[in-house]
PDB file of N, CA and C in Angstrom:
ATOM      1  N   MET A   1      98.638  96.461 110.930  1.00  0.00           N
ATOM      2  CA  MET A   1      98.472  97.528 111.887  1.00  0.00           C
ATOM      3  C   MET A   1      98.903  96.913 113.284  1.00  0.00           C
ATOM      4  N   THR A   2      99.242  97.331 114.227  1.00  0.00           N
ATOM      5  CA  THR A   2      99.577  96.856 115.493  1.00  0.00           C
ATOM      6  C   THR A   2      98.219  97.401 116.230  1.00  0.00           C
ATOM      7  N   ALA A   3      98.193  96.589 117.585  1.00  0.00           N
ATOM      8  CA  ALA A   3      96.843  96.914 118.423  1.00  0.00           C
ATOM      9  C   ALA A   3      96.966  98.474 118.967  1.00  0.00           C
ATOM     10  N   ASN A   4      98.469  98.899 118.814  1.00  0.00           N
ATOM     11  CA  ASN A   4      98.613 100.255 119.555  1.00  0.00           C
ATOM     12  C   ASN A   4      98.172 101.208 118.409  1.00  0.00           C
ATOM     13  N   ALA A   5      98.220 100.862 117.264  1.00  0.00           N
ATOM     14  CA  ALA A   5      98.177 101.655 116.107  1.00  0.00           C
ATOM     15  C   ALA A   5      96.449 101.986 115.792  1.00  0.00           C
ATOM     16  N   PHE A   6      95.772 100.866 116.245  1.00  0.00           N
ATOM     17  CA  PHE A   6      94.208 101.130 116.334  1.00  0.00           C
ATOM     18  C   PHE A   6      93.700 101.749 117.485  1.00  0.00           C
ATOM     19  N   HIS A   7      94.507 101.418 118.547  1.00  0.00           N
ATOM     20  CA  HIS A   7      94.269 102.391 119.666  1.00  0.00           C
ATOM     21  C   HIS A   7      94.164 103.703 119.586  1.00  0.00           C
ATOM     22  N   ASN A   8      95.321 104.356 118.947  1.00  0.00           N
ATOM     23  CA  ASN A   8      95.644 105.658 118.483  1.00  0.00           C
ATOM     24  C   ASN A   8      94.686 106.042 117.444  1.00  0.00           C
ATOM     25  N   ILE A   9      94.122 105.151 116.431  1.00  0.00           N
ATOM     26  CA  ILE A   9      93.254 105.746 115.488  1.00  0.00           C
ATOM     27  C   ILE A   9      91.771 105.866 116.219  1.00  0.00           C
ATOM     28  N   ALA A  10      91.581 105.058 117.213  1.00  0.00           N
ATOM     29  CA  ALA A  10      90.121 105.337 117.947  1.00  0.00           C
ATOM     30  C   ALA A  10      90.351 106.717 118.971  1.00  0.00           C
ATOM     31  N   GLN A  11      91.513 106.984 119.295  1.00  0.00           N
ATOM     32  CA  GLN A  11      91.792 108.141 120.107  1.00  0.00           C
ATOM     33  C   GLN A  11      91.597 109.373 119.234  1.00  0.00           C
ATOM     34  N   ILE A  12      92.251 109.455 118.011  1.00  0.00           N
ATOM     35  CA  ILE A  12      92.157 110.373 117.058  1.00  0.00           C
ATOM     36  C   ILE A  12      90.747 110.542 116.515  1.00  0.00           C
ATOM     37  N   GLU A  13      89.962 109.531 116.186  1.00  0.00           N
ATOM     38  CA  GLU A  13      88.711 109.538 115.602  1.00  0.00           C
ATOM     39  C   GLU A  13      87.758 110.255 116.862  1.00  0.00           C
ATOM     40  N   THR A  14      87.776 109.573 118.161  1.00  0.00           N
ATOM     41  CA  THR A  14      87.022 110.080 119.241  1.00  0.00           C
ATOM     42  C   THR A  14      87.430 111.736 119.309  1.00  0.00           C
ATOM     43  N   SER A  15      88.450 112.211 119.207  1.00  0.00           N
ATOM     44  CA  SER A  15      88.865 113.772 119.051  1.00  0.00           C
ATOM     45  C   SER A  15      88.317 114.519 118.119  1.00  0.00           C
ATOM     46  N   LEU A  16      88.159 113.774 116.903  1.00  0.00           N
ATOM     47  CA  LEU A  16      87.852 114.376 115.892  1.00  0.00           C
ATOM     48  C   LEU A  16      86.374 114.622 115.831  1.00  0.00           C
ATOM     49  N   TRP A  17      85.520 113.795 116.156  1.00  0.00           N
ATOM     50  CA  TRP A  17      84.261 113.646 116.480  1.00  0.00           C
ATOM     51  C   TRP A  17      83.536 114.803 117.399  1.00  0.00           C
ATOM     52  N   GLU A  18      84.063 114.819 118.511  1.00  0.00           N
ATOM     53  CA  GLU A  18      84.144 115.712 119.841  1.00  0.00           C
ATOM     54  C   GLU A  18      84.190 117.109 119.239  1.00  0.00           C
ATOM     55  N   ALA A  19      85.514 117.202 118.391  1.00  0.00           N
ATOM     56  CA  ALA A  19      85.800 118.635 117.634  1.00  0.00           C
ATOM     57  C   ALA A  19      84.636 119.041 116.771  1.00  0.00           C
ATOM     58  N   ALA A  20      84.168 118.168 116.074  1.00  0.00           N
ATOM     59  CA  ALA A  20      82.942 118.262 115.167  1.00  0.00           C
ATOM     60  C   ALA A  20      81.626 118.530 115.749  1.00  0.00           C
ATOM     61  N   ASP A  21      81.389 118.094 117.118  1.00  0.00           N
ATOM     62  CA  ASP A  21      80.251 118.410 117.846  1.00  0.00           C
ATOM     63  C   ASP A  21      80.351 119.544 118.388  1.00  0.00           C
ATOM     64  N   GLN A  22      81.576 120.032 118.850  1.00  0.00           N
ATOM     65  CA  GLN A  22      81.792 121.475 119.428  1.00  0.00           C
ATOM     66  C   GLN A  22      81.683 122.464 118.538  1.00  0.00           C
ATOM     67  N   LEU A  23      82.120 122.454 117.068  1.00  0.00           N
ATOM     68  CA  LEU A  23      81.641 123.306 116.034  1.00  0.00           C
ATOM     69  C   LEU A  23      80.093 123.520 115.713  1.00  0.00           C
ATOM     70  N   ARG A  24      79.434 122.272 115.959  1.00  0.00           N
ATOM     71  CA  ARG A  24      78.076 122.164 115.414  1.00  0.00           C
ATOM     72  C   ARG A  24      77.407 123.083 116.712  1.00  0.00           C
ATOM     73  N   ALA A  25      77.352 122.421 117.711  1.00  0.00           N
ATOM     74  CA  ALA A  25      76.607 123.015 118.971  1.00  0.00           C
ATOM     75  C   ALA A  25      76.854 124.366 119.656  1.00  0.00           C
ATOM     76  N   ASN A  26      78.526 124.283 119.833  1.00  0.00           N
ATOM     77  CA  ASN A  26      78.893 125.500 120.620  1.00  0.00           C
ATOM     78  C   ASN A  26      79.611 126.590 119.973  1.00  0.00           C
ATOM     79  N   SER A  27      79.310 126.626 118.472  1.00  0.00           N
ATOM     80  CA  SER A  27      80.159 127.825 117.920  1.00  0.00           C
ATOM     81  C   SER A  27      78.925 128.620 117.409  1.00  0.00           C
ATOM     82  N   ASN A  28      79.141 129.892 116.804  1.00  0.00           N
ATOM     83  CA  ASN A  28      78.408 130.646 116.018  1.00  0.00           C
ATOM     84  C   ASN A  28      78.554 130.641 114.583  1.00  0.00           C
ATOM     85  N   LEU A  29      79.263 129.220 114.206  1.00  0.00           N
ATOM     86  CA  LEU A  29      79.482 129.098 112.615  1.00  0.00           C
ATOM     87  C   LEU A  29      77.990 128.590 112.144  1.00  0.00           C
ATOM     88  N   THR A  30      77.962 128.661 111.125  1.00  0.00           N
ATOM     89  CA  THR A  30      76.962 128.485 110.326  1.00  0.00           C
ATOM     90  C   THR A  30      77.051 126.930 109.554  1.00  0.00           C
ATOM     91  N   ALA A  31      76.180 126.287 109.244  1.00  0.00           N
ATOM     92  CA  ALA A  31      76.359 124.845 108.592  1.00  0.00           C
ATOM     93  C   ALA A  31      77.103 124.969 107.560  1.00  0.00           C
ATOM     94  N   THR A  32      77.260 125.824 106.580  1.00  0.00           N
ATOM     95  CA  THR A  32      78.026 125.801 105.621  1.00  0.00           C
ATOM     96  C   THR A  32      79.468 125.980 106.193  1.00  0.00           C
ATOM     97  N   GLU A  33      79.664 126.753 107.083  1.00  0.00           N
ATOM     98  CA  GLU A  33      81.089 127.232 107.837  1.00  0.00           C
ATOM     99  C   GLU A  33      81.956 125.939 108.317  1.00  0.00           C
ATOM    100  N   TYR A  34      80.848 125.120 109.048  1.00  0.00           N
ATOM    101  CA  TYR A  34      81.690 124.033 109.407  1.00  0.00           C
ATOM    102  C   TYR A  34      81.479 122.880 108.950  1.00  0.00           C
ATOM    103  N   SER A  35      80.763 122.748 107.733  1.00  0.00           N
ATOM    104  CA  SER A  35      80.519 121.514 107.104  1.00  0.00           C
ATOM    105  C   SER A  35      81.891 120.823 106.657  1.00  0.00           C
ATOM    106  N   MET A  36      82.711 121.702 105.877  1.00  0.00           N
ATOM    107  CA  MET A  36      83.920 121.168 105.417  1.00  0.00           C
ATOM    108  C   MET A  36      84.593 120.138 106.355  1.00  0.00           C
ATOM    109  N   PRO A  37      84.795 121.006 107.425  1.00  0.00           N
ATOM    110  CA  PRO A  37      85.773 120.073 108.645  1.00  0.00           C
ATOM    111  C   PRO A  37      84.977 118.672 108.855  1.00  0.00           C
ATOM    112  N   VAL A  38      83.676 118.813 109.073  1.00  0.00           N
ATOM    113  CA  VAL A  38      82.996 117.740 109.353  1.00  0.00           C
ATOM    114  C   VAL A  38      82.717 116.718 108.443  1.00  0.00           C
ATOM    115  N   LEU A  39      82.583 116.864 107.131  1.00  0.00           N
ATOM    116  CA  LEU A  39      82.573 116.241 105.987  1.00  0.00           C
ATOM    117  C   LEU A  39      84.232 115.641 105.801  1.00  0.00           C
ATOM    118  N   GLY A  40      85.269 116.123 106.315  1.00  0.00           N
ATOM    119  CA  GLY A  40      86.318 115.414 106.248  1.00  0.00           C
ATOM    120  C   GLY A  40      86.518 114.564 107.101  1.00  0.00           C
ATOM    121  N   VAL A  41      85.959 114.492 108.532  1.00  0.00           N
ATOM    122  CA  VAL A  41      85.826 113.643 109.458  1.00  0.00           C
ATOM    123  C   VAL A  41      85.217 112.128 108.964  1.00  0.00           C
ATOM    124  N   ILE A  42      83.977 112.571 108.198  1.00  0.00           N
ATOM    125  CA  ILE A  42      83.312 111.422 107.901  1.00  0.00           C
ATOM    126  C   ILE A  42      83.677 110.738 106.711  1.00  0.00           C
ATOM    127  N   PHE A  43      84.460 111.469 105.759  1.00  0.00           N
ATOM    128  CA  PHE A  43      85.732 110.967 104.739  1.00  0.00           C
ATOM    129  C   PHE A  43      86.380 109.981 105.328  1.00  0.00           C
ATOM    130  N   LEU A  44      87.260 110.513 106.663  1.00  0.00           N
ATOM    131  CA  LEU A  44      88.233 109.838 107.211  1.00  0.00           C
ATOM    132  C   LEU A  44      87.532 108.497 107.596  1.00  0.00           C
ATOM    133  N   ARG A  45      86.685 108.536 108.250  1.00  0.00           N
ATOM    134  CA  ARG A  45      85.973 107.263 108.761  1.00  0.00           C
ATOM    135  C   ARG A  45      85.468 106.231 107.594  1.00  0.00           C
ATOM    136  N   HIS A  46      84.975 106.676 106.247  1.00  0.00           N
ATOM    137  CA  HIS A  46      84.866 106.304 105.352  1.00  0.00           C
ATOM    138  C   HIS A  46      86.009 105.287 104.793  1.00  0.00           C
ATOM    139  N   ALA A  47      87.061 106.137 104.614  1.00  0.00           N
ATOM    140  CA  ALA A  47      88.065 105.540 104.023  1.00  0.00           C
ATOM    141  C   ALA A  47      88.879 104.546 104.978  1.00  0.00           C
ATOM    142  N   THR A  48      88.711 104.622 106.517  1.00  0.00           N
ATOM    143  CA  THR A  48      89.113 103.358 107.313  1.00  0.00           C
ATOM    144  C   THR A  48      88.329 102.351 107.027  1.00  0.00           C
ATOM    145  N   ASN A  49      87.188 102.631 106.995  1.00  0.00           N
ATOM    146  CA  ASN A  49      86.192 101.308 106.821  1.00  0.00           C
ATOM    147  C   ASN A  49      86.685 100.425 105.407  1.00  0.00           C
ATOM    148  N   ARG A  50      86.718 101.113 104.575  1.00  0.00           N
ATOM    149  CA  ARG A  50      87.021 100.757 103.133  1.00  0.00           C
ATOM    150  C   ARG A  50      88.565 100.086 103.434  1.00  0.00           C
ATOM    151  N   TYR A  51      89.439 100.820 103.900  1.00  0.00           N
ATOM    152  CA  TYR A  51      90.878  99.880 104.113  1.00  0.00           C
ATOM    153  C   TYR A  51      90.554  98.994 104.852  1.00  0.00           C
ATOM    154  N   GLN A  52      90.063  98.913 105.858  1.00  0.00           N
ATOM    155  CA  GLN A  52      89.597  97.383 106.610  1.00  0.00           C
ATOM    156  C   GLN A  52      89.277  96.388 106.184  1.00  0.00           C
ATOM    157  N   THR A  53      88.175  96.756 105.432  1.00  0.00           N
ATOM    158  CA  THR A  53      87.436  95.890 104.499  1.00  0.00           C
ATOM    159  C   THR A  53      88.512  95.096 103.338  1.00  0.00           C
ATOM    160  N   ALA A  54      88.925  96.018 102.844  1.00  0.00           N
ATOM    161  CA  ALA A  54      89.961  95.578 101.862  1.00  0.00           C
ATOM    162  C   ALA A  54      91.122  94.515 102.476  1.00  0.00           C
ATOM    163  N   LEU A  55      91.789  94.925 103.328  1.00  0.00           N
ATOM    164  CA  LEU A  55      92.532  94.241 104.352  1.00  0.00           C
ATOM    165  C   LEU A  55      92.234  93.018 104.505  1.00  0.00           C
ATOM    166  N   GLN A  56      91.043  92.977 105.143  1.00  0.00           N
ATOM    167  CA  GLN A  56      90.516  91.639 105.475  1.00  0.00           C
ATOM    168  C   GLN A  56      90.386  90.477 104.390  1.00  0.00           C
ATOM    169  N   ALA A  57      90.015  91.268 103.215  1.00  0.00           N
ATOM    170  CA  ALA A  57      89.883  90.372 101.866  1.00  0.00           C
ATOM    171  C   ALA A  57      90.855  89.859 101.443  1.00  0.00           C
ATOM    172  N   ILE A  58      92.043  90.724 101.391  1.00  0.00           N
ATOM    173  CA  ILE A  58      93.408  90.491 101.312  1.00  0.00           C
ATOM    174  C   ILE A  58      93.991  89.295 101.834  1.00  0.00           C
ATOM    175  N   GLU A  59      94.073  89.471 103.234  1.00  0.00           N
ATOM    176  CA  GLU A  59      94.394  88.514 104.214  1.00  0.00           C
ATOM    177  C   GLU A  59      93.861  87.260 103.946  1.00  0.00           C
ATOM    178  N   SER A  60      92.466  87.063 103.631  1.00  0.00           N
ATOM    179  CA  SER A  60      91.707  86.144 103.653  1.00  0.00           C
ATOM    180  C   SER A  60      92.044  85.406 102.360  1.00  0.00           C
ATOM    181  N   ALA A  61      92.301  85.895 101.485  1.00  0.00           N
ATOM    182  CA  ALA A  61      92.822  85.553  99.869  1.00  0.00           C
ATOM    183  C   ALA A  61      94.113  84.746 100.011  1.00  0.00           C
ATOM    184  N   GLN A  62      94.914  85.385 100.901  1.00  0.00           N
ATOM    185  CA  GLN A  62      96.270  85.075 101.072  1.00  0.00           C
ATOM    186  C   GLN A  62      96.100  83.724 101.815  1.00  0.00           C
ATOM    187  N   ALA A  63      95.393  83.443 103.013  1.00  0.00           N
ATOM    188  CA  ALA A  63      95.210  82.628 103.916  1.00  0.00           C
ATOM    189  C   ALA A  63      94.661  81.328 102.986  1.00  0.00           C
ATOM    190  N   ALA A  64      93.566  81.709 102.041  1.00  0.00           N
ATOM    191  CA  ALA A  64      93.177  80.439 101.267  1.00  0.00           C
ATOM    192  C   ALA A  64      93.950  80.043 100.109  1.00  0.00           C
ATOM    193  N   GLY A  65      95.191  80.732  99.836  1.00  0.00           N
ATOM    194  CA  GLY A  65      95.989  80.420  98.890  1.00  0.00           C
ATOM    195  C   GLY A  65      95.599  80.926  97.420  1.00  0.00           C
ATOM    196  N   THR A  66      94.439  81.677  97.156  1.00  0.00           N
ATOM    197  CA  THR A  66      94.145  82.260  96.239  1.00  0.00           C
ATOM    198  C   THR A  66      95.013  83.584  95.781  1.00  0.00           C
ATOM    199  N   SER A  67      95.848  84.067  96.603  1.00  0.00           N
ATOM    200  CA  SER A  67      96.765  85.358  96.387  1.00  0.00           C
ATOM    201  C   SER A  67      97.742  84.901  96.990  1.00  0.00           C
ATOM    202  N   PRO A  68      99.019  85.290  96.277  1.00  0.00           N
ATOM    203  CA  PRO A  68     100.056  85.110  96.889  1.00  0.00           C
ATOM    204  C   PRO A  68     100.122  85.869  98.147  1.00  0.00           C
ATOM    205  N   LYS A  69     101.234  84.948  99.013  1.00  0.00           N
ATOM    206  CA  LYS A  69     102.087  85.636 100.359  1.00  0.00           C
ATOM    207  C   LYS A  69     102.943  86.724  99.835  1.00  0.00           C
ATOM    208  N   ARG A  70     102.919  87.876 100.349  1.00  0.00           N
ATOM    209  CA  ARG A  70     103.779  88.777  99.734  1.00  0.00           C
ATOM    210  C   ARG A  70     103.333  90.192 100.620  1.00  0.00           C
ATOM    211  N   PRO A  71     104.431  91.024 100.491  1.00  0.00           N
ATOM    212  CA  PRO A  71     104.172  92.317 101.101  1.00  0.00           C
ATOM    213  C   PRO A  71     103.033  93.027 100.518  1.00  0.00           C
ATOM    214  N   LEU A  72     102.075  93.671 101.137  1.00  0.00           N
ATOM    215  CA  LEU A  72     101.162  94.425 100.268  1.00  0.00           C
ATOM    216  C   LEU A  72     101.649  95.603  99.780  1.00  0.00           C
ATOM    217  N   VAL A  73     100.941  95.930  98.628  1.00  0.00           N
ATOM    218  CA  VAL A  73     101.310  97.063  97.801  1.00  0.00           C
ATOM    219  C   VAL A  73      99.913  97.874  97.369  1.00  0.00           C
ATOM    220  N   GLU A  74     100.176  99.107  96.959  1.00  0.00           N
ATOM    221  CA  GLU A  74      99.147  99.996  96.829  1.00  0.00           C
ATOM    222  C   GLU A  74      98.029  99.355  95.653  1.00  0.00           C
ATOM    223  N   GLY A  75      98.350  98.464  94.771  1.00  0.00           N
ATOM    224  CA  GLY A  75      97.502  98.311  93.721  1.00  0.00           C
ATOM    225  C   GLY A  75      96.720  97.064  94.479  1.00  0.00           C
ATOM    226  N   ASP A  76      96.968  96.312  95.563  1.00  0.00           N
ATOM    227  CA  ASP A  76      96.022  95.283  96.125  1.00  0.00           C
ATOM    228  C   ASP A  76      94.723  96.101  96.593  1.00  0.00           C
ATOM    229  N   PHE A  77      95.155  97.438  97.124  1.00  0.00           N
ATOM    230  CA  PHE A  77      93.878  98.142  97.737  1.00  0.00           C
ATOM    231  C   PHE A  77      92.933  98.879  96.648  1.00  0.00           C
ATOM    232  N   ILE A  78      93.851  99.368  95.498  1.00  0.00           N
ATOM    233  CA  ILE A  78      93.217  99.768  94.421  1.00  0.00           C
ATOM    234  C   ILE A  78      92.061  99.150  93.660  1.00  0.00           C
ATOM    235  N   LYS A  79      92.537  97.926  93.604  1.00  0.00           N
ATOM    236  CA  LYS A  79      91.773  96.658  93.082  1.00  0.00           C
ATOM    237  C   LYS A  79      90.471  96.580  94.042  1.00  0.00           C
ATOM    238  N   ARG A  80      90.601  96.787  94.928  1.00  0.00           N
ATOM    239  CA  ARG A  80      89.341  96.518  95.846  1.00  0.00           C
ATOM    240  C   ARG A  80      88.577  97.916  96.236  1.00  0.00           C
ATOM    241  N   ARG A  81      88.839  98.941  95.570  1.00  0.00           N
ATOM    242  CA  ARG A  81      88.449 100.228  95.740  1.00  0.00           C
ATOM    243  C   ARG A  81      88.835 100.886  97.236  1.00  0.00           C
ATOM    244  N   ALA A  82      90.039 100.911  97.554  1.00  0.00           N
ATOM    245  CA  ALA A  82      90.268 101.333  98.844  1.00  0.00           C
ATOM    246  C   ALA A  82      91.498 102.400  98.664  1.00  0.00           C
ATOM    247  N   LEU A  83      91.995 102.852  99.832  1.00  0.00           N
ATOM    248  CA  LEU A  83      93.019 103.681  99.757  1.00  0.00           C
ATOM    249  C   LEU A  83      93.876 102.907 100.694  1.00  0.00           C
ATOM    250  N   MET A  84      95.234 103.135 100.242  1.00  0.00           N
ATOM    251  CA  MET A  84      96.343 102.532 101.112  1.00  0.00           C
ATOM    252  C   MET A  84      97.370 103.676 101.385  1.00  0.00           C
ATOM    253  N   LEU A  85      97.574 104.121 102.875  1.00  0.00           N
ATOM    254  CA  LEU A  85      98.707 105.041 102.988  1.00  0.00           C
ATOM    255  C   LEU A  85      99.809 104.483 103.816  1.00  0.00           C
ATOM    256  N   PRO A  86     100.796 104.843 103.476  1.00  0.00           N
ATOM    257  CA  PRO A  86     102.189 104.027 104.097  1.00  0.00           C
ATOM    258  C   PRO A  86     102.402 104.510 105.598  1.00  0.00           C
ATOM    259  N   GLU A  87     102.662 103.574 106.109  1.00  0.00           N
ATOM    260  CA  GLU A  87     102.877 103.482 107.562  1.00  0.00           C
ATOM    261  C   GLU A  87     103.743 104.632 107.858  1.00  0.00           C
ATOM    262  N   VAL A  88     104.835 104.239 107.406  1.00  0.00           N
ATOM    263  CA  VAL A  88     106.135 105.350 107.442  1.00  0.00           C
ATOM    264  C   VAL A  88     106.081 106.616 106.885  1.00  0.00           C
ATOM    265  N   GLY A  89     106.148 107.627 107.610  1.00  0.00           N
ATOM    266  CA  GLY A  89     106.117 108.888 107.004  1.00  0.00           C
ATOM    267  C   GLY A  89     104.760 109.606 107.243  1.00  0.00           C
ATOM    268  N   LEU A  90     103.677 108.747 107.798  1.00  0.00           N
ATOM    269  CA  LEU A  90     102.367 109.437 108.196  1.00  0.00           C
ATOM    270  C   LEU A  90     102.351 109.932 109.404  1.00  0.00           C
ATOM    271  N   ARG A  91     102.278 111.336 109.552  1.00  0.00           N
ATOM    272  CA  ARG A  91     102.181 111.917 110.848  1.00  0.00           C
ATOM    273  C   ARG A  91     101.104 112.821 110.760  1.00  0.00           C
ATOM    274  N   LEU A  92     100.124 112.740 111.829  1.00  0.00           N
ATOM    275  CA  LEU A  92      99.080 113.311 112.186  1.00  0.00           C
ATOM    276  C   LEU A  92      99.413 114.461 113.479  1.00  0.00           C
ATOM    277  N   GLY A  93      99.089 115.582 113.560  1.00  0.00           N
ATOM    278  CA  GLY A  93      99.340 116.490 114.591  1.00  0.00           C
ATOM    279  C   GLY A  93      98.167 116.439 115.581  1.00  0.00           C
ATOM    280  N   PHE A  94      98.203 115.161 116.274  1.00  0.00           N
ATOM    281  CA  PHE A  94      96.891 115.153 117.253  1.00  0.00           C
ATOM    282  C   PHE A  94      97.721 114.829 118.755  1.00  0.00           C
TER     283      PHE A  94
END
């Protein structure tokens, strides 16, 4: 991922957390009504952390020569219990 992509992710994350705070503090919704969107934000953060950890492990293994240097595939991430989403075609409406 490029530095610009990480910047965009940080902006999206900030926006999602602000929205979650608004739901919690400034709405008449009960906890059960806003829990699903908030849990979704938490899941996305967890998935991002898992992806980053797996990517670092893959890159370290490639640099050490214990893993072949080739384009990454979904199986590389599944092996490390992480999700891989293709960069092409992924569009978020933020």
